[in-house]
């Protein structure tokens, strides 16, 4: 008996990978988040560590926004403005940029 299962084609949504055939720093983030949701934490980390940051943001921001709406505050917006100010400082921006570059190099060497 033969199977009629057809393997789905991969969809490239990353414009960088589509045009250059090289992964961007965030390539694999969606698969990483899906792995986290499925409880495959080591897989998520090996696919793209940025997936953990994205997963936390995906949980916290909607909850924070809902609380702000319910209590009629703007704490999320104030936090965003404060973080934007901090991230412009070289002593924080440069290490974060270096980490993203390291992740990008890792994505390239993994052949994502």
Protein backbone atom coordinates (compact mmCIF):
# COMPACT_ATOMS: atom_id res chain seq x y z
CA UNK A 1 0.00 0.00 0.00
CA UNK A 2 1.44 3.35 -1.01
CA UNK A 3 1.05 6.53 0.96
CA UNK A 4 -0.56 9.58 -0.61
CA UNK A 5 1.21 11.88 1.84
CA UNK A 6 2.90 14.77 0.08
CA UNK A 7 5.71 16.60 1.86
CA UNK A 8 4.81 20.32 2.13
CA UNK A 9 7.17 22.72 0.43
CA UNK A 10 9.11 25.15 2.61
CA UNK A 11 8.02 28.76 2.29
CA UNK A 12 10.77 31.35 2.39
CA UNK A 13 9.45 34.51 4.01
CA UNK A 14 12.81 36.06 4.86
CA UNK A 15 13.67 38.63 2.18
CA UNK A 16 17.38 38.44 3.08
CA UNK A 17 17.52 34.67 2.64
CA UNK A 18 15.34 34.83 -0.46
CA UNK A 19 17.57 37.37 -2.22
CA UNK A 20 21.04 36.38 -0.93
CA UNK A 21 20.51 32.69 -0.08
CA UNK A 22 22.07 33.46 3.32
CA UNK A 23 20.12 33.35 6.58
CA UNK A 24 19.49 36.54 8.53
CA UNK A 25 20.08 36.73 12.31
CA UNK A 26 16.43 35.89 13.00
CA UNK A 27 16.11 33.01 10.52
CA UNK A 28 14.70 30.02 12.36
CA UNK A 29 13.01 32.12 15.05
CA UNK A 30 9.53 30.89 14.14
CA UNK A 31 10.65 27.25 14.20
CA UNK A 32 12.39 27.94 17.51
CA UNK A 33 9.20 29.36 19.08
CA UNK A 34 7.19 26.40 17.75
CA UNK A 35 9.72 24.05 19.34
CA UNK A 36 9.36 25.88 22.66
CA UNK A 37 5.57 25.56 22.49
CA UNK A 38 5.97 21.83 21.78
CA UNK A 39 8.32 21.43 24.76
CA UNK A 40 11.42 20.77 22.65
CA UNK A 41 13.59 23.28 24.48
CA UNK A 42 17.00 22.06 23.37
CA UNK A 43 15.81 21.96 19.75
CA UNK A 44 14.59 25.55 20.11
CA UNK A 45 17.95 26.66 21.45
CA UNK A 46 19.86 24.96 18.64
CA UNK A 47 17.54 26.32 15.92
CA UNK A 48 17.80 29.95 17.05
CA UNK A 49 18.29 31.24 20.63
CA UNK A 50 16.40 34.42 19.70
CA UNK A 51 13.27 32.27 19.73
CA UNK A 52 13.34 32.32 23.54
CA UNK A 53 13.30 36.12 23.60
CA UNK A 54 10.49 36.22 21.05
CA UNK A 55 8.47 33.62 22.98
CA UNK A 56 8.75 35.62 26.21
CA UNK A 57 7.72 38.81 24.40
CA UNK A 58 4.76 37.00 22.79
CA UNK A 59 3.49 36.01 26.23
CA UNK A 60 4.31 39.11 28.27
CA UNK A 61 3.34 41.98 25.95
CA UNK A 62 -0.33 41.00 25.40
CA UNK A 63 -0.78 40.36 29.13
CA UNK A 64 0.92 43.64 30.03
CA UNK A 65 -1.19 45.49 27.47
CA UNK A 66 -4.39 43.92 28.81
CA UNK A 67 -3.50 44.91 32.37
CA UNK A 68 -2.72 48.46 31.23
CA UNK A 69 -6.10 48.70 29.50
CA UNK A 70 -7.93 47.32 32.52
CA UNK A 71 -6.27 49.65 35.03
CA UNK A 72 -6.07 52.55 32.56
CA UNK A 73 -2.30 53.03 32.80
CA UNK A 74 0.47 53.40 30.23
CA UNK A 75 3.18 51.38 31.94
CA UNK A 76 4.03 49.35 28.82
CA UNK A 77 4.45 52.50 26.76
CA UNK A 78 6.57 54.13 29.49
CA UNK A 79 8.71 50.99 29.70
CA UNK A 80 9.15 51.00 25.92
CA UNK A 81 10.28 54.65 25.92
CA UNK A 82 12.73 53.96 28.77
CA UNK A 83 14.16 50.88 27.03
CA UNK A 84 14.51 52.78 23.79
CA UNK A 85 16.60 55.38 25.63
CA UNK A 86 18.78 52.69 27.28
CA UNK A 87 19.33 50.81 24.03
CA UNK A 88 20.75 53.94 22.41
CA UNK A 89 23.63 53.94 24.90
CA UNK A 90 26.79 52.42 23.37
CA UNK A 91 27.66 50.43 26.51
CA UNK A 92 24.43 48.44 26.04
CA UNK A 93 23.92 48.70 22.27
CA UNK A 94 27.37 47.42 21.28
CA UNK A 95 27.23 44.14 23.27
CA UNK A 96 23.71 43.48 21.96
CA UNK A 97 24.83 44.12 18.38
CA UNK A 98 27.80 41.78 18.91
CA UNK A 99 25.45 39.05 20.22
CA UNK A 100 23.20 39.43 17.18
CA UNK A 101 26.25 39.23 14.88
CA UNK A 102 27.44 36.08 16.66
CA UNK A 103 23.98 34.58 16.24
CA UNK A 104 24.03 35.53 12.55
CA UNK A 105 27.41 33.87 12.04
CA UNK A 106 26.10 30.78 13.84
CA UNK A 107 23.03 30.71 11.56
CA UNK A 108 25.26 30.91 8.51
CA UNK A 109 27.58 28.13 9.70
CA UNK A 110 24.59 25.90 10.54
CA UNK A 111 23.30 26.43 7.03
CA UNK A 112 19.82 27.47 8.12
